[in-house]
Amino acid sequence: MKNKGCLSAIIIGLVLIAIVFFIFLWGKSGYNSFVDKEQTVNAKWSNVETVYQKRANLIPNLERTVKSYSKFEQETLTKVVEARSKATSINIDPTNMTEQDIAKFQAAQGELSGALSRLMAVVESYPNLKADQQYINFQREYIAIENSIRTETVYYNDAAKDYNVSIKQFPNNILANFTNFKEKPLFKAEAGAEKAPEVFSE
């Protein structure tokens, strides 16, 4: 009888060890997967910031080119410069960002897009400026960057969705809550965002 009790205790002990070991392996695998997916999201966000910064970096050259045409509407150019300043002043920590953060970032970038579109519509009334080589170079780079922005925001959203699904699925959600992995916000599509910029005429 005593041997049976001993054997039962050993079996129960082995089962408990096996359960703990299984939980450890599951927790380690899940945690490492969350880390990997979160790092991917952070890298994609960095790419998004890079292409937006490239666009902002074009504006000083645009400003110099436009200023060389003395009759150009100064107010329109000033609004672009102000919008650029606002857009570049917003810094977001991707490890900690909220929907409000990304909405603020998008709003500022949208304001810059609008100011640039208005400026380029005004340029249509200045044939000499429109034909200026520096302005033509700006056009080419601007269109390429706008297309890159669309691509990188899609890549970011894909990575964020993959991460979000991973931490919300059962039983991963238990581990995610316990280890403080939080959902990542997504870029919201703007009206007409699926189209390439049509700000220049031939």
Protein backbone atom coordinates (compact mmCIF):
# COMPACT_ATOMS: atom_id res chain seq x y z
CA MET A 1 0.00 0.00 0.00
CA LYS A 2 2.83 2.27 0.93
CA ASN A 3 4.57 1.53 -2.39
CA LYS A 4 1.40 2.37 -4.31
CA GLY A 5 1.18 5.72 -2.53
CA CYS A 6 4.83 6.40 -3.34
CA LEU A 7 4.31 5.47 -6.98
CA SER A 8 1.25 7.73 -7.23
CA ALA A 9 3.20 10.62 -5.74
CA ILE A 10 6.03 10.06 -8.24
CA ILE A 11 3.56 9.93 -11.16
CA ILE A 12 1.81 13.09 -9.97
CA GLY A 13 5.20 14.79 -9.56
CA LEU A 14 6.26 13.78 -13.07
CA VAL A 15 2.95 14.98 -14.53
CA LEU A 16 3.33 18.34 -12.75
CA ILE A 17 6.91 18.67 -14.01
CA ALA A 18 5.74 17.85 -17.54
CA ILE A 19 2.94 20.47 -17.30
CA VAL A 20 5.32 23.13 -15.99
CA PHE A 21 7.83 22.27 -18.70
CA PHE A 22 5.12 22.46 -21.37
CA ILE A 23 3.93 25.86 -20.05
CA PHE A 24 7.53 27.08 -20.02
CA LEU A 25 8.08 26.01 -23.63
CA TRP A 26 4.77 27.54 -24.74
CA GLY A 27 5.48 30.77 -22.84
CA LYS A 28 9.02 31.04 -24.21
CA SER A 29 7.88 30.38 -27.79
CA GLY A 30 4.95 32.80 -27.53
CA TYR A 31 7.01 35.56 -25.90
CA ASN A 32 9.79 35.27 -28.49
CA SER A 33 7.20 35.34 -31.27
CA PHE A 34 5.65 38.54 -29.83
CA VAL A 35 9.10 40.15 -29.58
CA ASP A 36 9.91 39.23 -33.18
CA LYS A 37 6.61 40.54 -34.53
CA GLU A 38 6.85 43.74 -32.46
CA GLN A 39 10.37 44.39 -33.75
CA THR A 40 9.05 43.95 -37.30
CA VAL A 41 6.33 46.53 -36.61
CA ASN A 42 8.91 48.95 -35.19
CA ALA A 43 11.13 48.49 -38.24
CA LYS A 44 8.21 49.12 -40.61
CA TRP A 45 7.31 52.25 -38.64
CA SER A 46 10.90 53.44 -38.98
CA ASN A 47 10.58 53.02 -42.76
CA VAL A 48 7.37 55.07 -42.71
CA GLU A 49 9.10 57.87 -40.81
CA THR A 50 12.05 57.74 -43.23
CA VAL A 51 9.94 58.26 -46.35
CA TYR A 52 7.98 61.09 -44.72
CA GLN A 53 11.28 62.68 -43.71
CA LYS A 54 12.54 62.36 -47.29
CA ARG A 55 9.49 64.29 -48.43
CA ALA A 56 10.11 66.97 -45.82
CA ASN A 57 13.74 67.19 -46.95
CA LEU A 58 12.63 68.12 -50.47
CA ILE A 59 10.89 71.27 -49.31
CA PRO A 60 13.95 73.53 -48.68
CA ASN A 61 15.02 73.00 -52.33
CA LEU A 62 11.46 73.64 -53.47
CA GLU A 63 11.39 76.81 -51.37
CA ARG A 64 14.63 78.10 -52.92
CA THR A 65 13.40 77.32 -56.43
CA VAL A 66 10.02 78.97 -55.94
CA LYS A 67 11.52 82.04 -54.21
CA SER A 68 13.62 82.71 -57.30
CA TYR A 69 10.37 83.65 -59.06
CA SER A 70 9.65 86.90 -57.29
CA LYS A 71 6.02 87.19 -58.40
CA PHE A 72 5.05 83.83 -56.95
CA GLU A 73 2.38 83.93 -54.22
CA GLN A 74 4.39 84.09 -51.00
CA GLU A 75 1.46 83.09 -48.77
CA THR A 76 1.12 79.73 -50.53
CA LEU A 77 4.80 78.96 -50.03
CA THR A 78 4.68 80.10 -46.41
CA LYS A 79 1.88 77.62 -45.68
CA VAL A 80 3.99 74.77 -47.06
CA VAL A 81 6.96 75.77 -44.91
CA GLU A 82 4.76 76.05 -41.80
CA ALA A 83 3.10 72.69 -42.49
CA ARG A 84 6.54 71.08 -42.93
CA SER A 85 7.68 72.49 -39.59
CA LYS A 86 4.59 71.09 -37.85
CA ALA A 87 4.90 67.69 -39.53
CA THR A 88 8.57 67.26 -38.65
CA SER A 89 8.03 68.29 -35.02
CA ILE A 90 5.92 65.22 -34.24
CA ASN A 91 8.00 62.35 -32.87
CA ILE A 92 6.40 59.03 -32.03
CA ASP A 93 7.83 56.15 -30.01
CA PRO A 94 6.70 53.02 -31.91
CA THR A 95 7.03 50.84 -28.81
CA ASN A 96 4.42 52.93 -27.05
CA MET A 97 2.25 54.63 -29.66
CA THR A 98 -1.51 55.01 -29.42
CA GLU A 99 -4.27 55.62 -31.95
CA GLN A 100 -4.21 59.29 -30.90
CA ASP A 101 -0.47 59.48 -31.68
CA ILE A 102 -0.86 58.04 -35.15
CA ALA A 103 -3.93 60.20 -35.84
CA LYS A 104 -1.96 63.32 -34.87
CA PHE A 105 0.94 62.22 -37.07
CA GLN A 106 -1.38 61.55 -40.02
CA ALA A 107 -3.20 64.85 -39.57
CA ALA A 108 0.07 66.82 -39.66
CA GLN A 109 1.32 64.90 -42.70
CA GLY A 110 -2.06 65.39 -44.37
CA GLU A 111 -1.83 69.12 -43.75
CA LEU A 112 1.58 69.16 -45.46
CA SER A 113 0.19 67.14 -48.39
CA GLY A 114 -2.64 69.63 -48.77
CA ALA A 115 -0.30 72.63 -48.65
CA LEU A 116 1.98 71.06 -51.27
CA SER A 117 -0.99 70.26 -53.53
CA ARG A 118 -2.19 73.87 -53.32
CA LEU A 119 1.29 75.19 -54.07
CA MET A 120 1.69 72.94 -57.08
CA ALA A 121 -1.73 73.92 -58.38
CA VAL A 122 -0.61 77.57 -58.23
CA VAL A 123 2.63 76.70 -60.07
CA GLU A 124 0.50 75.79 -63.10
CA SER A 125 -0.01 79.54 -63.59
CA TYR A 126 3.77 80.10 -63.83
CA PRO A 127 5.04 78.46 -67.06
CA ASN A 128 8.66 79.49 -66.47
CA LEU A 129 8.68 78.04 -62.96
CA LYS A 130 6.92 74.91 -64.16
CA ALA A 131 9.66 74.43 -66.78
CA ASP A 132 12.50 75.13 -64.33
CA GLN A 133 14.85 72.11 -64.12
CA GLN A 134 15.02 72.27 -60.34
CA TYR A 135 11.25 72.20 -60.14
CA ILE A 136 11.10 69.30 -62.63
CA ASN A 137 13.59 67.40 -60.44
CA PHE A 138 11.40 68.11 -57.43
CA GLN A 139 8.34 66.74 -59.28
CA ARG A 140 10.13 63.51 -60.10
CA GLU A 141 11.36 62.96 -56.55
CA TYR A 142 8.07 63.98 -55.00
CA ILE A 143 6.04 61.47 -57.01
CA ALA A 144 8.51 58.68 -56.19
CA ILE A 145 8.38 59.53 -52.48
CA GLU A 146 4.57 59.73 -52.41
CA ASN A 147 4.43 56.25 -53.93
CA SER A 148 6.95 55.04 -51.34
CA ILE A 149 4.82 56.53 -48.56
CA ARG A 150 1.82 54.53 -49.75
CA THR A 151 3.91 51.35 -49.97
CA GLU A 152 5.56 51.74 -46.56
CA THR A 153 2.28 52.53 -44.76
CA VAL A 154 0.75 49.37 -46.27
CA TYR A 155 3.77 47.34 -45.10
CA TYR A 156 3.45 48.87 -41.62
CA ASN A 157 -0.27 48.06 -41.44
CA ASP A 158 0.36 44.47 -42.56
CA ALA A 159 3.01 43.98 -39.87
CA ALA A 160 0.84 45.63 -37.20
CA LYS A 161 -2.18 43.47 -38.13
CA ASP A 162 -0.07 40.32 -37.95
CA TYR A 163 1.23 41.35 -34.52
CA ASN A 164 -2.22 42.38 -33.26
CA VAL A 165 -3.83 39.10 -34.33
CA SER A 166 -0.99 37.17 -32.69
CA ILE A 167 -1.43 38.82 -29.27
CA LYS A 168 -5.25 38.69 -29.34
CA GLN A 169 -5.71 35.02 -30.22
CA PHE A 170 -6.41 32.58 -27.40
CA PRO A 171 -4.37 31.46 -25.49
CA ASN A 172 -1.74 33.97 -26.65
CA ASN A 173 -3.87 36.81 -25.28
CA ILE A 174 -3.28 35.50 -21.73
CA LEU A 175 0.49 35.58 -22.22
CA ALA A 176 0.33 38.97 -24.00
CA ASN A 177 -1.66 40.52 -21.12
CA PHE A 178 0.68 39.01 -18.56
CA THR A 179 3.80 40.26 -20.39
CA ASN A 180 2.32 43.67 -21.30
CA PHE A 181 2.33 43.38 -25.10
CA LYS A 182 -0.21 45.93 -26.38
CA GLU A 183 -2.07 46.35 -29.65
CA LYS A 184 -0.47 48.58 -32.29
CA PRO A 185 -2.55 51.30 -34.02
CA LEU A 186 -3.04 51.27 -37.78
CA PHE A 187 -2.86 53.93 -40.45
CA LYS A 188 -6.34 54.92 -41.54
CA ALA A 189 -6.78 55.23 -45.30
CA GLU A 190 -7.65 58.71 -46.52
CA ALA A 191 -10.09 59.32 -49.33
CA GLY A 192 -8.27 58.78 -52.61
CA ALA A 193 -5.22 57.30 -50.89
CA GLU A 194 -5.29 54.36 -53.29
CA LYS A 195 -4.41 56.69 -56.20
CA ALA A 196 -0.98 58.03 -57.10
CA PRO A 197 -0.66 61.82 -56.71
CA GLU A 198 -2.10 63.76 -59.61
CA VAL A 199 -0.58 67.12 -58.83
CA PHE A 200 1.32 67.72 -62.03
CA SER A 201 0.19 68.18 -65.58
CA GLU A 202 2.29 67.45 -68.62
